[in-house]
Amino acid sequence: MSISNSKELLIKATAEKYAVGAFNVTNIAQMAAVIETAAELKAPVIIQTSVAPVKQLTPELFAAAFRNIAERVDISVAIQLDHCTSIDLCKRCIDAGYTSIMIDASKETLEDNIRITKTVVDYARENNDVSIEGELGTVGGVEDQVRVVMSQVELCDPQNALKFIEETGLDNFAPAIGTAHGIYKSNNPEIDIDRLKIIAKLINGGKVVAPLVIHGGSGLSEQIVRDLVFSGGSKFNVSTELKHVWIKGAEEYIINAPKEFNPVKMNRVQMDLTMKLVHSWIDRLGSSGKSGV
């Protein structure tokens, strides 16, 4: 196995024009299903946990479980805290063994976003080889405690992106380009792919400085995903779809075996559905067989 930080995985992905799936999990069985699928496909993968599950189960438990599962597979894997607005929680996850952190100060002014993000970057540099992700502009929808109504969405300014990266020293960059958390209400969401191309050329045109992250992957068409990968997106966050199949698995088990009351069998149904979904995402991101191990 190779436990990595996310930037190590994404530099290779950026150079070779594929993307790494970053799958948000809420429990250990879900985590195992994601890693098991990636191992079968020899794909690099990022496990993500948002703030609510981390607060419920603790960073220490998630990090320990991740390491235990990762030690059994022969692929490159990372674990990341997603959309965290708390500097203290970011530090706690770093101390617990997370290899990547997203500090989300995107609702703040540019200067405050730079200051807050740099605080976490500096802490990561002092303590561990941990990748830090930051966001500029605002992604609409709901991701755990982060809620942005669509009327308040602000797309990323390319020049501000360059300033943001240079002054924070962050590792991975999530520009707001019109994607959204949750499920899209339209089959043709307005994604500014040209904006992503401009940012990719500006930031990573010479060498890869900060790989680009696409938030709001759930519900995007395969064509849009391919276009975003080709245009420079090297990390895709998938959360809502995993939640839906996990709940669907519980429903299927209860309907098919209403008197069985066997949580282990129910987890197996949920894990199988999760693995099928993760397999489809790895295929569309082009990361199958790309693990550097």
C-alpha atoms as a PDB file:
ATOM      1  CA  MET A   1       0.000   0.000   0.000  1.00  0.00           C
ATOM      2  CA  SER A   2       0.991   3.627  -0.364  1.00  0.00           C
ATOM      3  CA  ILE A   3      -0.704   6.154   1.904  1.00  0.00           C
ATOM      4  CA  SER A   4      -0.201   9.487   0.182  1.00  0.00           C
ATOM      5  CA  ASN A   5      -1.313  13.050   0.413  1.00  0.00           C
ATOM      6  CA  SER A   6      -3.726  14.115  -2.290  1.00  0.00           C
ATOM      7  CA  LYS A   7      -1.304  16.365  -4.181  1.00  0.00           C
ATOM      8  CA  GLU A   8       0.999  13.416  -4.853  1.00  0.00           C
ATOM      9  CA  LEU A   9      -1.906  11.658  -6.573  1.00  0.00           C
ATOM     10  CA  LEU A  10      -3.122  14.735  -8.430  1.00  0.00           C
ATOM     11  CA  ILE A  11       0.147  15.884  -9.959  1.00  0.00           C
ATOM     12  CA  LYS A  12       0.306  12.630 -11.925  1.00  0.00           C
ATOM     13  CA  ALA A  13      -3.396  12.879 -12.814  1.00  0.00           C
ATOM     14  CA  THR A  14      -2.995  16.445 -14.096  1.00  0.00           C
ATOM     15  CA  ALA A  15      -0.027  15.509 -16.261  1.00  0.00           C
ATOM     16  CA  GLU A  16      -1.730  12.429 -17.734  1.00  0.00           C
ATOM     17  CA  LYS A  17      -5.220  13.963 -18.194  1.00  0.00           C
ATOM     18  CA  TYR A  18      -7.271  11.764 -15.904  1.00  0.00           C
ATOM     19  CA  ALA A  19      -8.885  12.523 -12.543  1.00  0.00           C
ATOM     20  CA  VAL A  20      -8.889  10.891  -9.120  1.00  0.00           C
ATOM     21  CA  GLY A  21     -12.211  10.207  -7.429  1.00  0.00           C
ATOM     22  CA  ALA A  22     -12.623  11.711  -3.966  1.00  0.00           C
ATOM     23  CA  PHE A  23     -15.505   9.873  -2.332  1.00  0.00           C
ATOM     24  CA  ASN A  24     -17.228  11.227   0.773  1.00  0.00           C
ATOM     25  CA  VAL A  25     -18.017   8.497   3.287  1.00  0.00           C
ATOM     26  CA  THR A  26     -19.958   8.599   6.530  1.00  0.00           C
ATOM     27  CA  ASN A  27     -18.917   5.285   8.092  1.00  0.00           C
ATOM     28  CA  ILE A  28     -16.262   2.565   8.041  1.00  0.00           C
ATOM     29  CA  ALA A  29     -18.171   0.039   5.908  1.00  0.00           C
ATOM     30  CA  GLN A  30     -18.647   2.667   3.211  1.00  0.00           C
ATOM     31  CA  MET A  31     -14.941   3.519   3.381  1.00  0.00           C
ATOM     32  CA  ALA A  32     -14.017  -0.144   2.959  1.00  0.00           C
ATOM     33  CA  ALA A  33     -16.282  -0.464  -0.091  1.00  0.00           C
ATOM     34  CA  VAL A  34     -14.664   2.526  -1.807  1.00  0.00           C
ATOM     35  CA  ILE A  35     -11.100   1.369  -1.172  1.00  0.00           C
ATOM     36  CA  GLU A  36     -11.893  -2.229  -2.140  1.00  0.00           C
ATOM     37  CA  THR A  37     -13.308  -1.081  -5.480  1.00  0.00           C
ATOM     38  CA  ALA A  38     -10.318   1.140  -6.217  1.00  0.00           C
ATOM     39  CA  ALA A  39      -7.976  -1.743  -5.369  1.00  0.00           C
ATOM     40  CA  GLU A  40      -9.782  -4.057  -7.791  1.00  0.00           C
ATOM     41  CA  LEU A  41      -9.384  -1.469 -10.549  1.00  0.00           C
ATOM     42  CA  LYS A  42      -5.833  -0.499  -9.525  1.00  0.00           C
ATOM     43  CA  ALA A  43      -6.955   3.115  -9.292  1.00  0.00           C
ATOM     44  CA  PRO A  44      -5.676   5.806  -6.935  1.00  0.00           C
ATOM     45  CA  VAL A  45      -8.429   7.041  -4.643  1.00  0.00           C
ATOM     46  CA  ILE A  46      -9.146   9.703  -2.033  1.00  0.00           C
ATOM     47  CA  ILE A  47     -11.389   8.979   0.931  1.00  0.00           C
ATOM     48  CA  GLN A  48     -13.168  12.115   2.138  1.00  0.00           C
ATOM     49  CA  THR A  49     -15.072  12.796   5.331  1.00  0.00           C
ATOM     50  CA  SER A  50     -17.137  15.913   5.822  1.00  0.00           C
ATOM     51  CA  VAL A  51     -17.451  17.676   9.148  1.00  0.00           C
ATOM     52  CA  ALA A  52     -20.621  16.073  10.572  1.00  0.00           C
ATOM     53  CA  PRO A  53     -19.399  12.428  10.396  1.00  0.00           C
ATOM     54  CA  VAL A  54     -16.019  13.505  11.765  1.00  0.00           C
ATOM     55  CA  LYS A  55     -17.634  15.159  14.742  1.00  0.00           C
ATOM     56  CA  GLN A  56     -19.818  12.104  15.313  1.00  0.00           C
ATOM     57  CA  LEU A  57     -17.127   9.387  15.031  1.00  0.00           C
ATOM     58  CA  THR A  58     -13.986  11.517  15.687  1.00  0.00           C
ATOM     59  CA  PRO A  59     -11.021  12.156  13.384  1.00  0.00           C
ATOM     60  CA  GLU A  60      -8.955   9.635  15.308  1.00  0.00           C
ATOM     61  CA  LEU A  61     -11.355   6.781  14.548  1.00  0.00           C
ATOM     62  CA  PHE A  62     -11.647   7.633  10.854  1.00  0.00           C
ATOM     63  CA  ALA A  63      -7.870   7.980  10.478  1.00  0.00           C
ATOM     64  CA  ALA A  64      -7.171   4.709  12.290  1.00  0.00           C
ATOM     65  CA  ALA A  65      -9.756   2.791  10.263  1.00  0.00           C
ATOM     66  CA  PHE A  66      -8.422   4.302   7.047  1.00  0.00           C
ATOM     67  CA  ARG A  67      -4.872   3.250   7.824  1.00  0.00           C
ATOM     68  CA  ASN A  68      -5.982  -0.280   8.757  1.00  0.00           C
ATOM     69  CA  ILE A  69      -7.889  -0.734   5.477  1.00  0.00           C
ATOM     70  CA  ALA A  70      -5.231   0.975   3.355  1.00  0.00           C
ATOM     71  CA  GLU A  71      -2.524  -1.335   4.657  1.00  0.00           C
ATOM     72  CA  ARG A  72      -4.286  -4.287   3.002  1.00  0.00           C
ATOM     73  CA  VAL A  73      -4.348  -2.900  -0.548  1.00  0.00           C
ATOM     74  CA  ASP A  74      -1.695  -2.210  -3.156  1.00  0.00           C
ATOM     75  CA  ILE A  75      -2.794   1.182  -4.470  1.00  0.00           C
ATOM     76  CA  SER A  76      -2.142   4.836  -3.649  1.00  0.00           C
ATOM     77  CA  VAL A  77      -4.736   6.193  -1.226  1.00  0.00           C
ATOM     78  CA  ALA A  78      -5.303   9.438   0.686  1.00  0.00           C
ATOM     79  CA  ILE A  79      -7.758  10.602   3.331  1.00  0.00           C
ATOM     80  CA  GLN A  80      -9.086  14.150   3.321  1.00  0.00           C
ATOM     81  CA  LEU A  81     -11.259  16.324   5.527  1.00  0.00           C
ATOM     82  CA  ASP A  82     -13.751  18.084   3.266  1.00  0.00           C
ATOM     83  CA  HIS A  83     -15.244  21.598   3.490  1.00  0.00           C
ATOM     84  CA  CYS A  84     -14.091  22.431   6.990  1.00  0.00           C
ATOM     85  CA  THR A  85     -14.555  26.013   8.193  1.00  0.00           C
ATOM     86  CA  SER A  86     -12.859  25.440  11.556  1.00  0.00           C
ATOM     87  CA  ILE A  87      -9.104  25.927  11.836  1.00  0.00           C
ATOM     88  CA  ASP A  88      -9.076  23.953  15.093  1.00  0.00           C
ATOM     89  CA  LEU A  89     -10.788  20.929  13.518  1.00  0.00           C
ATOM     90  CA  CYS A  90      -8.384  21.068  10.570  1.00  0.00           C
ATOM     91  CA  LYS A  91      -5.469  20.942  13.014  1.00  0.00           C
ATOM     92  CA  ARG A  92      -7.028  18.065  14.952  1.00  0.00           C
ATOM     93  CA  CYS A  93      -7.451  16.020  11.769  1.00  0.00           C
ATOM     94  CA  ILE A  94      -3.847  16.704  10.770  1.00  0.00           C
ATOM     95  CA  ASP A  95      -2.695  15.535  14.194  1.00  0.00           C
ATOM     96  CA  ALA A  96      -4.914  12.426  13.938  1.00  0.00           C
ATOM     97  CA  GLY A  97      -3.284  11.289  10.692  1.00  0.00           C
ATOM     98  CA  TYR A  98      -5.316  12.785   7.847  1.00  0.00           C
ATOM     99  CA  THR A  99      -3.130  13.242   4.783  1.00  0.00           C
ATOM    100  CA  SER A 100      -5.169  16.037   3.197  1.00  0.00           C
ATOM    101  CA  ILE A 101      -7.356  18.878   4.450  1.00  0.00           C
ATOM    102  CA  MET A 102      -9.768  21.278   2.796  1.00  0.00           C
ATOM    103  CA  ILE A 103     -10.078  24.537   4.695  1.00  0.00           C
ATOM    104  CA  ASP A 104     -13.129  26.325   3.297  1.00  0.00           C
ATOM    105  CA  ALA A 105     -13.062  30.079   3.864  1.00  0.00           C
ATOM    106  CA  SER A 106     -14.700  30.784   0.510  1.00  0.00           C
ATOM    107  CA  LYS A 107     -17.507  32.840   2.074  1.00  0.00           C
ATOM    108  CA  GLU A 108     -14.974  35.281   3.497  1.00  0.00           C
ATOM    109  CA  THR A 109     -13.348  38.209   1.721  1.00  0.00           C
ATOM    110  CA  LEU A 110     -10.365  37.375  -0.468  1.00  0.00           C
ATOM    111  CA  GLU A 111      -7.928  38.713   2.126  1.00  0.00           C
ATOM    112  CA  ASP A 112      -9.559  36.793   4.983  1.00  0.00           C
ATOM    113  CA  ASN A 113      -9.706  33.645   2.843  1.00  0.00           C
ATOM    114  CA  ILE A 114      -5.970  33.999   2.203  1.00  0.00           C
ATOM    115  CA  ARG A 115      -5.220  34.571   5.900  1.00  0.00           C
ATOM    116  CA  ILE A 116      -7.328  31.624   7.136  1.00  0.00           C
ATOM    117  CA  THR A 117      -6.109  29.241   4.441  1.00  0.00           C
ATOM    118  CA  LYS A 118      -2.466  30.181   5.039  1.00  0.00           C
ATOM    119  CA  THR A 119      -2.872  29.475   8.758  1.00  0.00           C
ATOM    120  CA  VAL A 120      -3.789  25.860   7.979  1.00  0.00           C
ATOM    121  CA  VAL A 121      -1.097  25.565   5.289  1.00  0.00           C
ATOM    122  CA  ASP A 122       1.545  26.761   7.751  1.00  0.00           C
ATOM    123  CA  TYR A 123       0.383  24.291  10.405  1.00  0.00           C
ATOM    124  CA  ALA A 124       0.522  21.425   7.910  1.00  0.00           C
ATOM    125  CA  ARG A 125       4.048  22.360   6.879  1.00  0.00           C
ATOM    126  CA  GLU A 126       5.229  22.470  10.500  1.00  0.00           C
ATOM    127  CA  ASN A 127       3.757  19.109  11.491  1.00  0.00           C
ATOM    128  CA  ASN A 128       3.298  16.650   8.620  1.00  0.00           C
ATOM    129  CA  ASP A 129       3.472  16.221   4.858  1.00  0.00           C
ATOM    130  CA  VAL A 130      -0.205  17.067   4.481  1.00  0.00           C
ATOM    131  CA  SER A 131      -1.864  18.548   1.382  1.00  0.00           C
ATOM    132  CA  ILE A 132      -4.106  21.574   1.850  1.00  0.00           C
ATOM    133  CA  GLU A 133      -6.983  22.413  -0.461  1.00  0.00           C
ATOM    134  CA  GLY A 134      -8.636  25.822  -0.641  1.00  0.00           C
ATOM    135  CA  GLU A 135     -11.575  27.257  -2.535  1.00  0.00           C
ATOM    136  CA  LEU A 136     -12.162  30.581  -4.252  1.00  0.00           C
ATOM    137  CA  GLY A 137     -15.611  31.681  -5.306  1.00  0.00           C
ATOM    138  CA  THR A 138     -18.609  29.845  -3.895  1.00  0.00           C
ATOM    139  CA  VAL A 139     -20.105  26.506  -4.908  1.00  0.00           C
ATOM    140  CA  GLY A 140     -23.897  26.423  -4.621  1.00  0.00           C
ATOM    141  CA  GLY A 141     -25.960  23.832  -2.776  1.00  0.00           C
ATOM    142  CA  VAL A 142     -25.461  22.082   0.541  1.00  0.00           C
ATOM    143  CA  GLU A 143     -22.376  20.203   1.762  1.00  0.00           C
ATOM    144  CA  ASP A 144     -22.739  19.352   5.432  1.00  0.00           C
ATOM    145  CA  GLN A 145     -22.600  22.657   7.335  1.00  0.00           C
ATOM    146  CA  VAL A 146     -21.774  24.723   4.206  1.00  0.00           C
ATOM    147  CA  ARG A 147     -24.899  26.102   2.546  1.00  0.00           C
ATOM    148  CA  VAL A 148     -24.912  28.470  -0.418  1.00  0.00           C
ATOM    149  CA  VAL A 149     -28.128  29.434  -2.213  1.00  0.00           C
ATOM    150  CA  MET A 150     -27.720  29.593  -5.969  1.00  0.00           C
ATOM    151  CA  SER A 151     -28.417  33.353  -6.082  1.00  0.00           C
ATOM    152  CA  GLN A 152     -25.293  33.866  -3.948  1.00  0.00           C
ATOM    153  CA  VAL A 153     -22.953  31.760  -6.079  1.00  0.00           C
ATOM    154  CA  GLU A 154     -19.819  33.643  -7.106  1.00  0.00           C
ATOM    155  CA  LEU A 155     -17.547  32.201  -9.780  1.00  0.00           C
ATOM    156  CA  CYS A 156     -13.793  32.205  -9.358  1.00  0.00           C
ATOM    157  CA  ASP A 157     -11.857  35.147 -10.794  1.00  0.00           C
ATOM    158  CA  PRO A 158      -8.763  33.735 -12.548  1.00  0.00           C
ATOM    159  CA  GLN A 159      -6.455  36.574 -11.492  1.00  0.00           C
ATOM    160  CA  ASN A 160      -7.583  36.298  -7.889  1.00  0.00           C
ATOM    161  CA  ALA A 161      -6.923  32.566  -8.148  1.00  0.00           C
ATOM    162  CA  LEU A 162      -3.280  33.220  -8.968  1.00  0.00           C
ATOM    163  CA  LYS A 163      -2.973  35.651  -6.035  1.00  0.00           C
ATOM    164  CA  PHE A 164      -4.723  33.184  -3.712  1.00  0.00           C
ATOM    165  CA  ILE A 165      -2.385  30.314  -4.561  1.00  0.00           C
ATOM    166  CA  GLU A 166       0.786  32.407  -4.455  1.00  0.00           C
ATOM    167  CA  GLU A 167       0.009  34.003  -1.089  1.00  0.00           C
ATOM    168  CA  THR A 168      -1.280  30.883   0.681  1.00  0.00           C
ATOM    169  CA  GLY A 169       1.073  28.262  -0.750  1.00  0.00           C
ATOM    170  CA  LEU A 170      -1.814  25.782  -0.852  1.00  0.00           C
ATOM    171  CA  ASP A 171      -1.441  22.455  -2.644  1.00  0.00           C
ATOM    172  CA  ASN A 172      -4.766  21.865  -4.419  1.00  0.00           C
ATOM    173  CA  PHE A 173      -7.184  24.494  -5.649  1.00  0.00           C
ATOM    174  CA  ALA A 174     -10.973  24.332  -5.996  1.00  0.00           C
ATOM    175  CA  PRO A 175     -12.247  27.128  -8.265  1.00  0.00           C
ATOM    176  CA  ALA A 176     -15.981  27.813  -8.365  1.00  0.00           C
ATOM    177  CA  ILE A 177     -17.032  27.292 -11.991  1.00  0.00           C
ATOM    178  CA  GLY A 178     -20.782  26.695 -11.663  1.00  0.00           C
ATOM    179  CA  THR A 179     -20.893  23.156 -10.290  1.00  0.00           C
ATOM    180  CA  ALA A 180     -23.101  22.592  -7.235  1.00  0.00           C
ATOM    181  CA  HIS A 181     -23.388  20.305  -4.235  1.00  0.00           C
ATOM    182  CA  GLY A 182     -26.368  17.986  -4.141  1.00  0.00           C
ATOM    183  CA  ILE A 183     -28.366  16.878  -7.171  1.00  0.00           C
ATOM    184  CA  TYR A 184     -28.677  19.221 -10.149  1.00  0.00           C
ATOM    185  CA  LYS A 185     -32.172  20.471 -10.906  1.00  0.00           C
ATOM    186  CA  SER A 186     -31.355  20.659 -14.623  1.00  0.00           C
ATOM    187  CA  ASN A 187     -29.943  18.074 -17.015  1.00  0.00           C
ATOM    188  CA  ASN A 188     -27.792  20.862 -18.465  1.00  0.00           C
ATOM    189  CA  PRO A 189     -26.289  22.827 -15.563  1.00  0.00           C
ATOM    190  CA  GLU A 190     -24.376  25.947 -16.559  1.00  0.00           C
ATOM    191  CA  ILE A 191     -20.772  24.917 -16.012  1.00  0.00           C
ATOM    192  CA  ASP A 192     -18.145  27.469 -17.077  1.00  0.00           C
ATOM    193  CA  ILE A 193     -15.629  25.106 -18.640  1.00  0.00           C
ATOM    194  CA  ASP A 194     -13.848  27.955 -20.400  1.00  0.00           C
ATOM    195  CA  ARG A 195     -13.176  29.545 -17.015  1.00  0.00           C
ATOM    196  CA  LEU A 196     -11.613  26.275 -15.846  1.00  0.00           C
ATOM    197  CA  LYS A 197      -9.387  26.200 -18.935  1.00  0.00           C
ATOM    198  CA  ILE A 198      -8.174  29.738 -18.274  1.00  0.00           C
ATOM    199  CA  ILE A 199      -7.415  28.942 -14.631  1.00  0.00           C
ATOM    200  CA  ALA A 200      -5.667  25.689 -15.562  1.00  0.00           C
ATOM    201  CA  LYS A 201      -3.419  27.457 -18.054  1.00  0.00           C
ATOM    202  CA  LEU A 202      -2.691  30.294 -15.642  1.00  0.00           C
ATOM    203  CA  ILE A 203      -1.877  28.067 -12.664  1.00  0.00           C
ATOM    204  CA  ASN A 204      -0.560  24.855 -14.228  1.00  0.00           C
ATOM    205  CA  GLY A 205       0.403  25.908 -17.743  1.00  0.00           C
ATOM    206  CA  GLY A 206       4.143  25.532 -17.223  1.00  0.00           C
ATOM    207  CA  LYS A 207       4.426  23.005 -14.431  1.00  0.00           C
ATOM    208  CA  VAL A 208       1.776  21.698 -12.054  1.00  0.00           C
ATOM    209  CA  VAL A 209       1.646  24.186  -9.173  1.00  0.00           C
ATOM    210  CA  ALA A 210      -1.790  23.431  -7.702  1.00  0.00           C
ATOM    211  CA  PRO A 211      -3.937  20.645  -9.196  1.00  0.00           C
ATOM    212  CA  LEU A 212      -7.534  21.698  -9.768  1.00  0.00           C
ATOM    213  CA  VAL A 213     -10.491  20.232  -7.891  1.00  0.00           C
ATOM    214  CA  ILE A 214     -14.068  19.881  -9.135  1.00  0.00           C
ATOM    215  CA  HIS A 215     -16.691  20.034  -6.406  1.00  0.00           C
ATOM    216  CA  GLY A 216     -20.258  18.898  -7.008  1.00  0.00           C
ATOM    217  CA  GLY A 217     -19.544  15.823  -9.110  1.00  0.00           C
ATOM    218  CA  SER A 218     -22.811  14.011  -8.299  1.00  0.00           C
ATOM    219  CA  GLY A 219     -25.267  14.178 -11.180  1.00  0.00           C
ATOM    220  CA  LEU A 220     -22.952  15.568 -13.866  1.00  0.00           C
ATOM    221  CA  SER A 221     -23.274  13.937 -17.283  1.00  0.00           C
ATOM    222  CA  GLU A 222     -20.450  11.768 -18.544  1.00  0.00           C
ATOM    223  CA  GLN A 223     -19.734  14.292 -21.311  1.00  0.00           C
ATOM    224  CA  ILE A 224     -19.393  17.184 -18.869  1.00  0.00           C
ATOM    225  CA  VAL A 225     -17.127  15.074 -16.657  1.00  0.00           C
ATOM    226  CA  ARG A 226     -14.908  14.214 -19.616  1.00  0.00           C
ATOM    227  CA  ASP A 227     -14.776  17.870 -20.678  1.00  0.00           C
ATOM    228  CA  LEU A 228     -13.827  18.984 -17.157  1.00  0.00           C
ATOM    229  CA  VAL A 229     -11.070  16.377 -16.917  1.00  0.00           C
ATOM    230  CA  PHE A 230      -9.695  17.346 -20.322  1.00  0.00           C
ATOM    231  CA  SER A 231      -9.794  21.010 -19.274  1.00  0.00           C
ATOM    232  CA  GLY A 232      -7.677  20.494 -16.181  1.00  0.00           C
ATOM    233  CA  GLY A 233      -9.853  19.043 -13.405  1.00  0.00           C
ATOM    234  CA  SER A 234      -7.837  16.305 -11.699  1.00  0.00           C
ATOM    235  CA  LYS A 235      -9.897  15.627  -8.543  1.00  0.00           C
ATOM    236  CA  PHE A 236     -13.648  15.005  -8.536  1.00  0.00           C
ATOM    237  CA  ASN A 237     -15.640  15.121  -5.321  1.00  0.00           C
ATOM    238  CA  VAL A 238     -18.554  12.678  -5.153  1.00  0.00           C
ATOM    239  CA  SER A 239     -20.768  12.798  -2.077  1.00  0.00           C
ATOM    240  CA  THR A 240     -24.514  12.946  -2.690  1.00  0.00           C
ATOM    241  CA  GLU A 241     -24.642   9.896  -4.961  1.00  0.00           C
ATOM    242  CA  LEU A 242     -22.893   7.791  -2.308  1.00  0.00           C
ATOM    243  CA  LYS A 243     -25.400   8.877   0.331  1.00  0.00           C
ATOM    244  CA  HIS A 244     -28.281   7.967  -1.964  1.00  0.00           C
ATOM    245  CA  VAL A 245     -27.049   4.455  -2.753  1.00  0.00           C
ATOM    246  CA  TRP A 246     -26.264   3.813   0.924  1.00  0.00           C
ATOM    247  CA  ILE A 247     -29.844   4.656   1.915  1.00  0.00           C
ATOM    248  CA  LYS A 248     -31.167   2.732  -1.093  1.00  0.00           C
ATOM    249  CA  GLY A 249     -29.255  -0.357   0.058  1.00  0.00           C
ATOM    250  CA  ALA A 250     -30.886  -0.196   3.482  1.00  0.00           C
ATOM    251  CA  GLU A 251     -34.311   0.174   1.886  1.00  0.00           C
ATOM    252  CA  GLU A 252     -33.731  -2.801  -0.433  1.00  0.00           C
ATOM    253  CA  TYR A 253     -32.621  -5.015   2.436  1.00  0.00           C
ATOM    254  CA  ILE A 254     -35.600  -4.106   4.626  1.00  0.00           C
ATOM    255  CA  ILE A 255     -38.075  -4.649   1.793  1.00  0.00           C
ATOM    256  CA  ASN A 256     -36.567  -8.009   0.787  1.00  0.00           C
ATOM    257  CA  ALA A 257     -35.995  -9.333   4.317  1.00  0.00           C
ATOM    258  CA  PRO A 258     -38.404  -7.465   6.616  1.00  0.00           C
ATOM    259  CA  LYS A 259     -38.033  -9.945   9.475  1.00  0.00           C
ATOM    260  CA  GLU A 260     -34.362 -10.794   9.222  1.00  0.00           C
ATOM    261  CA  PHE A 261     -32.856  -7.942  11.315  1.00  0.00           C
ATOM    262  CA  ASN A 262     -29.256  -8.619  10.256  1.00  0.00           C
ATOM    263  CA  PRO A 263     -27.179  -5.413  10.058  1.00  0.00           C
ATOM    264  CA  VAL A 264     -24.180  -7.265   8.605  1.00  0.00           C
ATOM    265  CA  LYS A 265     -26.240  -8.493   5.631  1.00  0.00           C
ATOM    266  CA  MET A 266     -27.720  -5.022   5.220  1.00  0.00           C
ATOM    267  CA  ASN A 267     -24.219  -3.528   5.128  1.00  0.00           C
ATOM    268  CA  ARG A 268     -23.255  -6.035   2.441  1.00  0.00           C
ATOM    269  CA  VAL A 269     -26.128  -4.867   0.224  1.00  0.00           C
ATOM    270  CA  GLN A 270     -25.122  -1.261   0.824  1.00  0.00           C
ATOM    271  CA  MET A 271     -21.466  -1.992   0.121  1.00  0.00           C
ATOM    272  CA  ASP A 272     -22.268  -3.794  -3.134  1.00  0.00           C
ATOM    273  CA  LEU A 273     -24.281  -0.816  -4.406  1.00  0.00           C
ATOM    274  CA  THR A 274     -21.522   1.544  -3.327  1.00  0.00           C
ATOM    275  CA  MET A 275     -18.903  -0.504  -5.142  1.00  0.00           C
ATOM    276  CA  LYS A 276     -20.948  -0.464  -8.334  1.00  0.00           C
ATOM    277  CA  LEU A 277     -21.238   3.337  -8.159  1.00  0.00           C
ATOM    278  CA  VAL A 278     -17.545   3.865  -7.394  1.00  0.00           C
ATOM    279  CA  HIS A 279     -16.618   1.534 -10.270  1.00  0.00           C
ATOM    280  CA  SER A 280     -18.659   3.657 -12.684  1.00  0.00           C
ATOM    281  CA  TRP A 281     -16.987   6.859 -11.461  1.00  0.00           C
ATOM    282  CA  ILE A 282     -13.482   5.454 -11.760  1.00  0.00           C
ATOM    283  CA  ASP A 283     -14.287   4.411 -15.312  1.00  0.00           C
ATOM    284  CA  ARG A 284     -15.544   7.850 -16.341  1.00  0.00           C
ATOM    285  CA  LEU A 285     -12.601   9.627 -14.662  1.00  0.00           C
ATOM    286  CA  GLY A 286     -10.117   7.430 -16.525  1.00  0.00           C
ATOM    287  CA  SER A 287      -8.176   6.491 -13.385  1.00  0.00           C
ATOM    288  CA  SER A 288      -8.430   2.713 -13.657  1.00  0.00           C
ATOM    289  CA  GLY A 289      -4.936   1.185 -13.712  1.00  0.00           C
ATOM    290  CA  LYS A 290      -3.314   4.531 -12.851  1.00  0.00           C
ATOM    291  CA  SER A 291      -2.201   3.828  -9.298  1.00  0.00           C
ATOM    292  CA  GLY A 292       1.469   4.606  -8.929  1.00  0.00           C
ATOM    293  CA  VAL A 293       2.157   1.717  -6.549  1.00  0.00           C
END
